[in-house]
Every structure is written in C-alpha cells, then in structure tokens.
mmCIF file of all heavy atoms, coordinates in Angstrom:
data_MODEL
# 
_entry.id   MODEL 
# 
loop_
_atom_site.group_PDB 
_atom_site.id 
_atom_site.type_symbol 
_atom_site.label_atom_id 
_atom_site.label_alt_id 
_atom_site.label_comp_id 
_atom_site.label_asym_id 
_atom_site.label_entity_id 
_atom_site.label_seq_id 
_atom_site.pdbx_PDB_ins_code 
_atom_site.Cartn_x 
_atom_site.Cartn_y 
_atom_site.Cartn_z 
_atom_site.occupancy 
_atom_site.B_iso_or_equiv 
_atom_site.pdbx_formal_charge 
_atom_site.auth_seq_id 
_atom_site.auth_comp_id 
_atom_site.auth_asym_id 
_atom_site.auth_atom_id 
_atom_site.pdbx_PDB_model_num 
ATOM 1   N N   . SER A 1 1  ? 93.931  96.551 95.004  1.00 0.00 ? 1  SER A N   1 
ATOM 2   C CA  . SER A 1 1  ? 95.033  95.666 94.650  1.00 0.00 ? 1  SER A CA  1 
ATOM 3   C C   . SER A 1 1  ? 96.365  96.377 94.806  1.00 0.00 ? 1  SER A C   1 
ATOM 4   O O   . SER A 1 1  ? 96.466  97.599 94.656  1.00 0.00 ? 1  SER A O   1 
ATOM 5   C CB  . SER A 1 1  ? 94.902  95.181 93.204  1.00 0.00 ? 1  SER A CB  1 
ATOM 6   O OG  . SER A 1 1  ? 93.723  94.434 93.002  1.00 0.00 ? 1  SER A OG  1 
ATOM 7   N N   . LEU A 1 2  ? 97.389  95.598 95.096  1.00 0.00 ? 2  LEU A N   1 
ATOM 8   C CA  . LEU A 1 2  ? 98.766  96.041 95.106  1.00 0.00 ? 2  LEU A CA  1 
ATOM 9   C C   . LEU A 1 2  ? 99.636  94.911 94.585  1.00 0.00 ? 2  LEU A C   1 
ATOM 10  O O   . LEU A 1 2  ? 99.268  93.736 94.689  1.00 0.00 ? 2  LEU A O   1 
ATOM 11  C CB  . LEU A 1 2  ? 99.237  96.420 96.514  1.00 0.00 ? 2  LEU A CB  1 
ATOM 12  C CG  . LEU A 1 2  ? 98.756  97.726 97.130  1.00 0.00 ? 2  LEU A CG  1 
ATOM 13  C CD1 . LEU A 1 2  ? 99.222  97.803 98.586  1.00 0.00 ? 2  LEU A CD1 1 
ATOM 14  C CD2 . LEU A 1 2  ? 99.270  98.923 96.351  1.00 0.00 ? 2  LEU A CD2 1 
ATOM 15  N N   . ARG A 1 3  ? 100.799 95.270 94.054  1.00 0.00 ? 3  ARG A N   1 
ATOM 16  C CA  . ARG A 1 3  ? 101.785 94.279 93.666  1.00 0.00 ? 3  ARG A CA  1 
ATOM 17  C C   . ARG A 1 3  ? 103.103 94.592 94.347  1.00 0.00 ? 3  ARG A C   1 
ATOM 18  O O   . ARG A 1 3  ? 103.671 95.673 94.161  1.00 0.00 ? 3  ARG A O   1 
ATOM 19  C CB  . ARG A 1 3  ? 101.986 94.228 92.151  1.00 0.00 ? 3  ARG A CB  1 
ATOM 20  C CG  . ARG A 1 3  ? 102.918 93.081 91.736  1.00 0.00 ? 3  ARG A CG  1 
ATOM 21  C CD  . ARG A 1 3  ? 103.039 92.928 90.236  1.00 0.00 ? 3  ARG A CD  1 
ATOM 22  N NE  . ARG A 1 3  ? 103.778 94.022 89.634  1.00 0.00 ? 3  ARG A NE  1 
ATOM 23  C CZ  . ARG A 1 3  ? 104.181 94.037 88.367  1.00 0.00 ? 3  ARG A CZ  1 
ATOM 24  N NH1 . ARG A 1 3  ? 103.899 92.996 87.572  1.00 0.00 ? 3  ARG A NH1 1 
ATOM 25  N NH2 . ARG A 1 3  ? 104.835 95.076 87.892  1.00 0.00 ? 3  ARG A NH2 1 
ATOM 26  N N   . LEU A 1 4  ? 103.587 93.649 95.124  1.00 0.00 ? 4  LEU A N   1 
ATOM 27  C CA  . LEU A 1 4  ? 104.864 93.771 95.793  1.00 0.00 ? 4  LEU A CA  1 
ATOM 28  C C   . LEU A 1 4  ? 105.962 93.136 94.952  1.00 0.00 ? 4  LEU A C   1 
ATOM 29  O O   . LEU A 1 4  ? 105.728 92.147 94.258  1.00 0.00 ? 4  LEU A O   1 
ATOM 30  C CB  . LEU A 1 4  ? 104.828 93.105 97.167  1.00 0.00 ? 4  LEU A CB  1 
ATOM 31  C CG  . LEU A 1 4  ? 103.704 93.525 98.113  1.00 0.00 ? 4  LEU A CG  1 
ATOM 32  C CD1 . LEU A 1 4  ? 103.851 92.816 99.452  1.00 0.00 ? 4  LEU A CD1 1 
ATOM 33  C CD2 . LEU A 1 4  ? 103.682 95.038 98.286  1.00 0.00 ? 4  LEU A CD2 1 
ATOM 34  N N   . SER A 1 5  ? 107.160 93.697 95.043  1.00 0.00 ? 5  SER A N   1 
ATOM 35  C CA  . SER A 1 5  ? 108.322 93.170 94.340  1.00 0.00 ? 5  SER A CA  1 
ATOM 36  C C   . SER A 1 5  ? 109.450 92.936 95.325  1.00 0.00 ? 5  SER A C   1 
ATOM 37  O O   . SER A 1 5  ? 109.583 93.657 96.315  1.00 0.00 ? 5  SER A O   1 
ATOM 38  C CB  . SER A 1 5  ? 108.799 94.139 93.255  1.00 0.00 ? 5  SER A CB  1 
ATOM 39  O OG  . SER A 1 5  ? 107.796 94.381 92.295  1.00 0.00 ? 5  SER A OG  1 
ATOM 40  N N   . CYS A 1 6  ? 110.271 91.945 95.044  1.00 0.00 ? 6  CYS A N   1 
ATOM 41  C CA  . CYS A 1 6  ? 111.437 91.642 95.855  1.00 0.00 ? 6  CYS A CA  1 
ATOM 42  C C   . CYS A 1 6  ? 112.575 91.238 94.943  1.00 0.00 ? 6  CYS A C   1 
ATOM 43  O O   . CYS A 1 6  ? 112.470 90.235 94.229  1.00 0.00 ? 6  CYS A O   1 
ATOM 44  C CB  . CYS A 1 6  ? 111.129 90.527 96.859  1.00 0.00 ? 6  CYS A CB  1 
ATOM 45  S SG  . CYS A 1 6  ? 112.572 89.928 97.761  1.00 0.00 ? 6  CYS A SG  1 
ATOM 46  N N   . ALA A 1 7  ? 113.654 92.010 94.973  1.00 0.00 ? 7  ALA A N   1 
ATOM 47  C CA  . ALA A 1 7  ? 114.832 91.723 94.175  1.00 0.00 ? 7  ALA A CA  1 
ATOM 48  C C   . ALA A 1 7  ? 115.888 91.048 95.036  1.00 0.00 ? 7  ALA A C   1 
ATOM 49  O O   . ALA A 1 7  ? 116.103 91.426 96.183  1.00 0.00 ? 7  ALA A O   1 
ATOM 50  C CB  . ALA A 1 7  ? 115.395 93.006 93.569  1.00 0.00 ? 7  ALA A CB  1 
ATOM 51  N N   . ALA A 1 8  ? 116.550 90.056 94.463  1.00 0.00 ? 8  ALA A N   1 
ATOM 52  C CA  . ALA A 1 8  ? 117.565 89.290 95.163  1.00 0.00 ? 8  ALA A CA  1 
ATOM 53  C C   . ALA A 1 8  ? 118.820 89.168 94.319  1.00 0.00 ? 8  ALA A C   1 
ATOM 54  O O   . ALA A 1 8  ? 118.749 89.235 93.085  1.00 0.00 ? 8  ALA A O   1 
ATOM 55  C CB  . ALA A 1 8  ? 117.047 87.896 95.516  1.00 0.00 ? 8  ALA A CB  1 
ATOM 56  N N   . PRO A 1 9  ? 119.979 88.967 94.934  1.00 0.00 ? 9  PRO A N   1 
ATOM 57  C CA  . PRO A 1 9  ? 121.169 88.655 94.157  1.00 0.00 ? 9  PRO A CA  1 
ATOM 58  C C   . PRO A 1 9  ? 120.946 87.404 93.330  1.00 0.00 ? 9  PRO A C   1 
ATOM 59  O O   . PRO A 1 9  ? 120.304 86.452 93.775  1.00 0.00 ? 9  PRO A O   1 
ATOM 60  C CB  . PRO A 1 9  ? 122.250 88.441 95.224  1.00 0.00 ? 9  PRO A CB  1 
ATOM 61  C CG  . PRO A 1 9  ? 121.762 89.201 96.415  1.00 0.00 ? 9  PRO A CG  1 
ATOM 62  C CD  . PRO A 1 9  ? 120.274 89.064 96.381  1.00 0.00 ? 9  PRO A CD  1 
ATOM 63  N N   . ALA A 1 10 ? 121.484 87.394 92.124  1.00 0.00 ? 10 ALA A N   1 
ATOM 64  C CA  . ALA A 1 10 ? 121.222 86.307 91.188  1.00 0.00 ? 10 ALA A CA  1 
ATOM 65  C C   . ALA A 1 10 ? 121.609 84.953 91.757  1.00 0.00 ? 10 ALA A C   1 
ATOM 66  O O   . ALA A 1 10 ? 120.867 83.976 91.605  1.00 0.00 ? 10 ALA A O   1 
ATOM 67  C CB  . ALA A 1 10 ? 121.948 86.563 89.869  1.00 0.00 ? 10 ALA A CB  1 
ATOM 68  N N   . ALA A 1 11 ? 122.755 84.864 92.400  1.00 0.00 ? 11 ALA A N   1 
ATOM 69  C CA  . ALA A 1 11 ? 123.213 83.582 92.922  1.00 0.00 ? 11 ALA A CA  1 
ATOM 70  C C   . ALA A 1 11 ? 122.276 83.045 93.989  1.00 0.00 ? 11 ALA A C   1 
ATOM 71  O O   . ALA A 1 11 ? 122.113 81.827 94.120  1.00 0.00 ? 11 ALA A O   1 
ATOM 72  C CB  . ALA A 1 11 ? 124.632 83.719 93.472  1.00 0.00 ? 11 ALA A CB  1 
ATOM 73  N N   . ILE A 1 12 ? 121.680 83.928 94.758  1.00 0.00 ? 12 ILE A N   1 
ATOM 74  C CA  . ILE A 1 12 ? 120.724 83.521 95.772  1.00 0.00 ? 12 ILE A CA  1 
ATOM 75  C C   . ILE A 1 12 ? 119.394 83.157 95.137  1.00 0.00 ? 12 ILE A C   1 
ATOM 76  O O   . ILE A 1 12 ? 118.796 82.119 95.441  1.00 0.00 ? 12 ILE A O   1 
ATOM 77  C CB  . ILE A 1 12 ? 120.536 84.638 96.817  1.00 0.00 ? 12 ILE A CB  1 
ATOM 78  C CG1 . ILE A 1 12 ? 121.867 84.946 97.508  1.00 0.00 ? 12 ILE A CG1 1 
ATOM 79  C CG2 . ILE A 1 12 ? 119.466 84.245 97.830  1.00 0.00 ? 12 ILE A CG2 1 
ATOM 80  C CD1 . ILE A 1 12 ? 122.473 83.787 98.241  1.00 0.00 ? 12 ILE A CD1 1 
ATOM 81  N N   . PHE A 1 13 ? 118.926 83.995 94.229  1.00 0.00 ? 13 PHE A N   1 
ATOM 82  C CA  . PHE A 1 13 ? 117.608 83.820 93.638  1.00 0.00 ? 13 PHE A CA  1 
ATOM 83  C C   . PHE A 1 13 ? 117.485 82.486 92.905  1.00 0.00 ? 13 PHE A C   1 
ATOM 84  O O   . PHE A 1 13 ? 116.481 81.780 93.043  1.00 0.00 ? 13 PHE A O   1 
ATOM 85  C CB  . PHE A 1 13 ? 117.316 84.979 92.681  1.00 0.00 ? 13 PHE A CB  1 
ATOM 86  C CG  . PHE A 1 13 ? 115.922 84.973 92.118  1.00 0.00 ? 13 PHE A CG  1 
ATOM 87  C CD1 . PHE A 1 13 ? 114.889 85.596 92.791  1.00 0.00 ? 13 PHE A CD1 1 
ATOM 88  C CD2 . PHE A 1 13 ? 115.648 84.356 90.908  1.00 0.00 ? 13 PHE A CD2 1 
ATOM 89  C CE1 . PHE A 1 13 ? 113.607 85.605 92.278  1.00 0.00 ? 13 PHE A CE1 1 
ATOM 90  C CE2 . PHE A 1 13 ? 114.366 84.356 90.388  1.00 0.00 ? 13 PHE A CE2 1 
ATOM 91  C CZ  . PHE A 1 13 ? 113.341 84.977 91.073  1.00 0.00 ? 13 PHE A CZ  1 
ATOM 92  N N   . ARG A 1 14 ? 118.491 82.138 92.137  1.00 0.00 ? 14 ARG A N   1 
ATOM 93  C CA  . ARG A 1 14 ? 118.401 80.960 91.275  1.00 0.00 ? 14 ARG A CA  1 
ATOM 94  C C   . ARG A 1 14 ? 118.424 79.654 92.050  1.00 0.00 ? 14 ARG A C   1 
ATOM 95  O O   . ARG A 1 14 ? 118.032 78.617 91.498  1.00 0.00 ? 14 ARG A O   1 
ATOM 96  C CB  . ARG A 1 14 ? 119.536 80.985 90.248  1.00 0.00 ? 14 ARG A CB  1 
ATOM 97  C CG  . ARG A 1 14 ? 119.406 82.118 89.247  1.00 0.00 ? 14 ARG A CG  1 
ATOM 98  C CD  . ARG A 1 14 ? 120.544 82.108 88.244  1.00 0.00 ? 14 ARG A CD  1 
ATOM 99  N NE  . ARG A 1 14 ? 120.453 83.226 87.318  1.00 0.00 ? 14 ARG A NE  1 
ATOM 100 C CZ  . ARG A 1 14 ? 119.732 83.219 86.198  1.00 0.00 ? 14 ARG A CZ  1 
ATOM 101 N NH1 . ARG A 1 14 ? 119.049 82.146 85.860  1.00 0.00 ? 14 ARG A NH1 1 
ATOM 102 N NH2 . ARG A 1 14 ? 119.709 84.289 85.422  1.00 0.00 ? 14 ARG A NH2 1 
ATOM 103 N N   . SER A 1 15 ? 118.876 79.666 93.286  1.00 0.00 ? 15 SER A N   1 
ATOM 104 C CA  . SER A 1 15 ? 118.989 78.449 94.076  1.00 0.00 ? 15 SER A CA  1 
ATOM 105 C C   . SER A 1 15 ? 118.068 78.439 95.286  1.00 0.00 ? 15 SER A C   1 
ATOM 106 O O   . SER A 1 15 ? 118.202 77.562 96.145  1.00 0.00 ? 15 SER A O   1 
ATOM 107 C CB  . SER A 1 15 ? 120.434 78.256 94.534  1.00 0.00 ? 15 SER A CB  1 
ATOM 108 O OG  . SER A 1 15 ? 120.862 79.337 95.338  1.00 0.00 ? 15 SER A OG  1 
ATOM 109 N N   . SER A 1 16 ? 117.129 79.376 95.359  1.00 0.00 ? 16 SER A N   1 
ATOM 110 C CA  . SER A 1 16 ? 116.314 79.530 96.551  1.00 0.00 ? 16 SER A CA  1 
ATOM 111 C C   . SER A 1 16 ? 114.831 79.429 96.251  1.00 0.00 ? 16 SER A C   1 
ATOM 112 O O   . SER A 1 16 ? 114.362 79.865 95.202  1.00 0.00 ? 16 SER A O   1 
ATOM 113 C CB  . SER A 1 16 ? 116.584 80.887 97.213  1.00 0.00 ? 16 SER A CB  1 
ATOM 114 O OG  . SER A 1 16 ? 117.927 81.007 97.628  1.00 0.00 ? 16 SER A OG  1 
ATOM 115 N N   . ASN A 1 17 ? 114.103 78.850 97.205  1.00 0.00 ? 17 ASN A N   1 
ATOM 116 C CA  . ASN A 1 17 ? 112.668 79.048 97.243  1.00 0.00 ? 17 ASN A CA  1 
ATOM 117 C C   . ASN A 1 17 ? 112.413 80.465 97.745  1.00 0.00 ? 17 ASN A C   1 
ATOM 118 O O   . ASN A 1 17 ? 112.948 80.871 98.785  1.00 0.00 ? 17 ASN A O   1 
ATOM 119 C CB  . ASN A 1 17 ? 112.002 78.052 98.183  1.00 0.00 ? 17 ASN A CB  1 
ATOM 120 C CG  . ASN A 1 17 ? 112.125 76.628 97.700  1.00 0.00 ? 17 ASN A CG  1 
ATOM 121 O OD1 . ASN A 1 17 ? 112.358 76.374 96.525  1.00 0.00 ? 17 ASN A OD1 1 
ATOM 122 N ND2 . ASN A 1 17 ? 111.946 75.680 98.622  1.00 0.00 ? 17 ASN A ND2 1 
ATOM 123 N N   . MET A 1 18 ? 111.610 81.213 97.004  1.00 0.00 ? 18 MET A N   1 
ATOM 124 C CA  . MET A 1 18 ? 111.296 82.589 97.373  1.00 0.00 ? 18 MET A CA  1 
ATOM 125 C C   . MET A 1 18 ? 109.917 82.638 98.020  1.00 0.00 ? 18 MET A C   1 
ATOM 126 O O   . MET A 1 18 ? 108.982 81.995 97.552  1.00 0.00 ? 18 MET A O   1 
ATOM 127 C CB  . MET A 1 18 ? 111.333 83.499 96.153  1.00 0.00 ? 18 MET A CB  1 
ATOM 128 C CG  . MET A 1 18 ? 112.665 83.522 95.421  1.00 0.00 ? 18 MET A CG  1 
ATOM 129 S SD  . MET A 1 18 ? 114.033 84.139 96.451  1.00 0.00 ? 18 MET A SD  1 
ATOM 130 C CE  . MET A 1 18 ? 113.468 85.809 96.806  1.00 0.00 ? 18 MET A CE  1 
ATOM 131 N N   . GLY A 1 19 ? 109.815 83.419 99.084  1.00 0.00 ? 19 GLY A N   1 
ATOM 132 C CA  . GLY A 1 19 ? 108.554 83.493 99.797  1.00 0.00 ? 19 GLY A CA  1 
ATOM 133 C C   . GLY A 1 19 ? 108.254 84.876 100.313 1.00 0.00 ? 19 GLY A C   1 
ATOM 134 O O   . GLY A 1 19 ? 109.129 85.744 100.396 1.00 0.00 ? 19 GLY A O   1 
ATOM 135 N N   . TRP A 1 20 ? 106.990 85.063 100.649 1.00 0.00 ? 20 TRP A N   1 
ATOM 136 C CA  . TRP A 1 20 ? 106.519 86.274 101.296 1.00 0.00 ? 20 TRP A CA  1 
ATOM 137 C C   . TRP A 1 20 ? 105.935 85.916 102.652 1.00 0.00 ? 20 TRP A C   1 
ATOM 138 O O   . TRP A 1 20 ? 105.137 84.979 102.766 1.00 0.00 ? 20 TRP A O   1 
ATOM 139 C CB  . TRP A 1 20 ? 105.465 86.988 100.454 1.00 0.00 ? 20 TRP A CB  1 
ATOM 140 C CG  . TRP A 1 20 ? 106.006 87.644 99.228  1.00 0.00 ? 20 TRP A CG  1 
ATOM 141 C CD1 . TRP A 1 20 ? 106.037 87.133 97.967  1.00 0.00 ? 20 TRP A CD1 1 
ATOM 142 C CD2 . TRP A 1 20 ? 106.588 88.946 99.147  1.00 0.00 ? 20 TRP A CD2 1 
ATOM 143 N NE1 . TRP A 1 20 ? 106.607 88.028 97.101  1.00 0.00 ? 20 TRP A NE1 1 
ATOM 144 C CE2 . TRP A 1 20 ? 106.954 89.160 97.803  1.00 0.00 ? 20 TRP A CE2 1 
ATOM 145 C CE3 . TRP A 1 20 ? 106.835 89.959 100.075 1.00 0.00 ? 20 TRP A CE3 1 
ATOM 146 C CZ2 . TRP A 1 20 ? 107.550 90.338 97.366  1.00 0.00 ? 20 TRP A CZ2 1 
ATOM 147 C CZ3 . TRP A 1 20 ? 107.434 91.126 99.644  1.00 0.00 ? 20 TRP A CZ3 1 
ATOM 148 C CH2 . TRP A 1 20 ? 107.782 91.308 98.304  1.00 0.00 ? 20 TRP A CH2 1 
ATOM 149 N N   . TYR A 1 21 ? 106.350 86.658 103.657 1.00 0.00 ? 21 TYR A N   1 
ATOM 150 C CA  . TYR A 1 21 ? 105.786 86.583 104.994 1.00 0.00 ? 21 TYR A CA  1 
ATOM 151 C C   . TYR A 1 21 ? 105.156 87.926 105.329 1.00 0.00 ? 21 TYR A C   1 
ATOM 152 O O   . TYR A 1 21 ? 105.417 88.933 104.666 1.00 0.00 ? 21 TYR A O   1 
ATOM 153 C CB  . TYR A 1 21 ? 106.860 86.260 106.032 1.00 0.00 ? 21 TYR A CB  1 
ATOM 154 C CG  . TYR A 1 21 ? 107.419 84.853 105.962 1.00 0.00 ? 21 TYR A CG  1 
ATOM 155 C CD1 . TYR A 1 21 ? 108.253 84.459 104.924 1.00 0.00 ? 21 TYR A CD1 1 
ATOM 156 C CD2 . TYR A 1 21 ? 107.124 83.922 106.954 1.00 0.00 ? 21 TYR A CD2 1 
ATOM 157 C CE1 . TYR A 1 21 ? 108.766 83.181 104.869 1.00 0.00 ? 21 TYR A CE1 1 
ATOM 158 C CE2 . TYR A 1 21 ? 107.636 82.640 106.909 1.00 0.00 ? 21 TYR A CE2 1 
ATOM 159 C CZ  . TYR A 1 21 ? 108.460 82.278 105.864 1.00 0.00 ? 21 TYR A CZ  1 
ATOM 160 O OH  . TYR A 1 21 ? 108.973 81.005 105.814 1.00 0.00 ? 21 TYR A OH  1 
ATOM 161 N N   . ARG A 1 22 ? 104.345 87.937 106.359 1.00 0.00 ? 22 ARG A N   1 
ATOM 162 C CA  . ARG A 1 22 ? 103.803 89.200 106.833 1.00 0.00 ? 22 ARG A CA  1 
ATOM 163 C C   . ARG A 1 22 ? 103.635 89.155 108.339 1.00 0.00 ? 22 ARG A C   1 
ATOM 164 O O   . ARG A 1 22 ? 103.490 88.087 108.936 1.00 0.00 ? 22 ARG A O   1 
ATOM 165 C CB  . ARG A 1 22 ? 102.469 89.533 106.161 1.00 0.00 ? 22 ARG A CB  1 
ATOM 166 C CG  . ARG A 1 22 ? 101.316 88.619 106.541 1.00 0.00 ? 22 ARG A CG  1 
ATOM 167 C CD  . ARG A 1 22 ? 100.074 88.971 105.741 1.00 0.00 ? 22 ARG A CD  1 
ATOM 168 N NE  . ARG A 1 22 ? 98.929  88.149 106.109 1.00 0.00 ? 22 ARG A NE  1 
ATOM 169 C CZ  . ARG A 1 22 ? 97.763  88.158 105.477 1.00 0.00 ? 22 ARG A CZ  1 
ATOM 170 N NH1 . ARG A 1 22 ? 97.589  88.967 104.424 1.00 0.00 ? 22 ARG A NH1 1 
ATOM 171 N NH2 . ARG A 1 22 ? 96.772  87.379 105.880 1.00 0.00 ? 22 ARG A NH2 1 
ATOM 172 N N   . GLN A 1 23 ? 103.667 90.337 108.934 1.00 0.00 ? 23 GLN A N   1 
ATOM 173 C CA  . GLN A 1 23 ? 103.437 90.473 110.357 1.00 0.00 ? 23 GLN A CA  1 
ATOM 174 C C   . GLN A 1 23 ? 102.551 91.690 110.585 1.00 0.00 ? 23 GLN A C   1 
ATOM 175 O O   . GLN A 1 23 ? 102.983 92.821 110.365 1.00 0.00 ? 23 GLN A O   1 
ATOM 176 C CB  . GLN A 1 23 ? 104.741 90.613 111.140 1.00 0.00 ? 23 GLN A CB  1 
ATOM 177 C CG  . GLN A 1 23 ? 104.542 90.594 112.645 1.00 0.00 ? 23 GLN A CG  1 
ATOM 178 C CD  . GLN A 1 23 ? 105.838 90.373 113.399 1.00 0.00 ? 23 GLN A CD  1 
ATOM 179 O OE1 . GLN A 1 23 ? 106.927 90.459 112.829 1.00 0.00 ? 23 GLN A OE1 1 
ATOM 180 N NE2 . GLN A 1 23 ? 105.723 90.078 114.676 1.00 0.00 ? 23 GLN A NE2 1 
ATOM 181 N N   . GLY A 1 24 ? 101.315 91.445 110.980 1.00 0.00 ? 24 GLY A N   1 
ATOM 182 C CA  . GLY A 1 24 ? 100.383 92.511 111.264 1.00 0.00 ? 24 GLY A CA  1 
ATOM 183 C C   . GLY A 1 24 ? 100.531 93.025 112.679 1.00 0.00 ? 24 GLY A C   1 
ATOM 184 O O   . GLY A 1 24 ? 101.233 92.432 113.506 1.00 0.00 ? 24 GLY A O   1 
ATOM 185 N N   . PRO A 1 25 ? 99.865  94.138 112.981 1.00 0.00 ? 25 PRO A N   1 
ATOM 186 C CA  . PRO A 1 25 ? 99.951  94.713 114.325 1.00 0.00 ? 25 PRO A CA  1 
ATOM 187 C C   . PRO A 1 25 ? 99.503  93.718 115.388 1.00 0.00 ? 25 PRO A C   1 
ATOM 188 O O   . PRO A 1 25 ? 98.387  93.184 115.316 1.00 0.00 ? 25 PRO A O   1 
ATOM 189 C CB  . PRO A 1 25 ? 99.013  95.919 114.259 1.00 0.00 ? 25 PRO A CB  1 
ATOM 190 C CG  . PRO A 1 25 ? 98.911  96.243 112.802 1.00 0.00 ? 25 PRO A CG  1 
ATOM 191 C CD  . PRO A 1 25 ? 99.006  94.936 112.095 1.00 0.00 ? 25 PRO A CD  1 
ATOM 192 N N   . GLY A 1 26 ? 100.357 93.461 116.342 1.00 0.00 ? 26 GLY A N   1 
ATOM 193 C CA  . GLY A 1 26 ? 100.032 92.559 117.428 1.00 0.00 ? 26 GLY A CA  1 
ATOM 194 C C   . GLY A 1 26 ? 99.930  91.099 117.044 1.00 0.00 ? 26 GLY A C   1 
ATOM 195 O O   . GLY A 1 26 ? 99.395  90.304 117.822 1.00 0.00 ? 26 GLY A O   1 
ATOM 196 N N   . LYS A 1 27 ? 100.433 90.736 115.883 1.00 0.00 ? 27 LYS A N   1 
ATOM 197 C CA  . LYS A 1 27 ? 100.325 89.364 115.410 1.00 0.00 ? 27 LYS A CA  1 
ATOM 198 C C   . LYS A 1 27 ? 101.702 88.741 115.202 1.00 0.00 ? 27 LYS A C   1 
ATOM 199 O O   . LYS A 1 27 ? 102.707 89.441 115.090 1.00 0.00 ? 27 LYS A O   1 
ATOM 200 C CB  . LYS A 1 27 ? 99.549  89.306 114.094 1.00 0.00 ? 27 LYS A CB  1 
ATOM 201 C CG  . LYS A 1 27 ? 98.115  89.798 114.189 1.00 0.00 ? 27 LYS A CG  1 
ATOM 202 C CD  . LYS A 1 27 ? 97.418  89.697 112.845 1.00 0.00 ? 27 LYS A CD  1 
ATOM 203 C CE  . LYS A 1 27 ? 95.984  90.166 112.926 1.00 0.00 ? 27 LYS A CE  1 
ATOM 204 N NZ  . LYS A 1 27 ? 95.305  90.062 111.600 1.00 0.00 ? 27 LYS A NZ  1 
ATOM 205 N N   . GLN A 1 28 ? 101.720 87.418 115.148 1.00 0.00 ? 28 GLN A N   1 
ATOM 206 C CA  . GLN A 1 28 ? 102.942 86.695 114.844 1.00 0.00 ? 28 GLN A CA  1 
ATOM 207 C C   . GLN A 1 28 ? 103.226 86.732 113.347 1.00 0.00 ? 28 GLN A C   1 
ATOM 208 O O   . GLN A 1 28 ? 102.322 86.926 112.529 1.00 0.00 ? 28 GLN A O   1 
ATOM 209 C CB  . GLN A 1 28 ? 102.829 85.249 115.318 1.00 0.00 ? 28 GLN A CB  1 
ATOM 210 C CG  . GLN A 1 28 ? 102.634 85.091 116.820 1.00 0.00 ? 28 GLN A CG  1 
ATOM 211 C CD  . GLN A 1 28 ? 103.832 85.565 117.593 1.00 0.00 ? 28 GLN A CD  1 
ATOM 212 O OE1 . GLN A 1 28 ? 104.973 85.300 117.212 1.00 0.00 ? 28 GLN A OE1 1 
ATOM 213 N NE2 . GLN A 1 28 ? 103.592 86.281 118.684 1.00 0.00 ? 28 GLN A NE2 1 
ATOM 214 N N   . ARG A 1 29 ? 104.482 86.551 112.996 1.00 0.00 ? 29 ARG A N   1 
ATOM 215 C CA  . ARG A 1 29 ? 104.848 86.484 111.599 1.00 0.00 ? 29 ARG A CA  1 
ATOM 216 C C   . ARG A 1 29 ? 104.204 85.261 110.947 1.00 0.00 ? 29 ARG A C   1 
ATOM 217 O O   . ARG A 1 29 ? 104.201 84.165 111.510 1.00 0.00 ? 29 ARG A O   1 
ATOM 218 C CB  . ARG A 1 29 ? 106.367 86.433 111.443 1.00 0.00 ? 29 ARG A CB  1 
ATOM 219 C CG  . ARG A 1 29 ? 106.842 86.457 110.004 1.00 0.00 ? 29 ARG A CG  1 
ATOM 220 C CD  . ARG A 1 29 ? 108.357 86.566 109.916 1.00 0.00 ? 29 ARG A CD  1 
ATOM 221 N NE  . ARG A 1 29 ? 108.828 87.833 110.452 1.00 0.00 ? 29 ARG A NE  1 
ATOM 222 C CZ  . ARG A 1 29 ? 110.108 88.192 110.500 1.00 0.00 ? 29 ARG A CZ  1 
ATOM 223 N NH1 . ARG A 1 29 ? 111.039 87.367 110.044 1.00 0.00 ? 29 ARG A NH1 1 
ATOM 224 N NH2 . ARG A 1 29 ? 110.445 89.364 111.012 1.00 0.00 ? 29 ARG A NH2 1 
# 
C-alpha cells in the first residue's frame, strides 16, 4: 500500500473537482 497526497491553493481546492491521473511506461495518461 501507498498513500499519495496533493496540496493545492485554497482558492483552487475549494472550487475544484480534484482528481488523480497516471501514466505508465509506454501508456496513455
């Protein structure tokens, strides 16, 4: 297991949908 964190400016965070993307070797995002 791992836990990733992402910090954002408050004005952005409070008005945004937050998401995680990934891109593996040789793969599309």
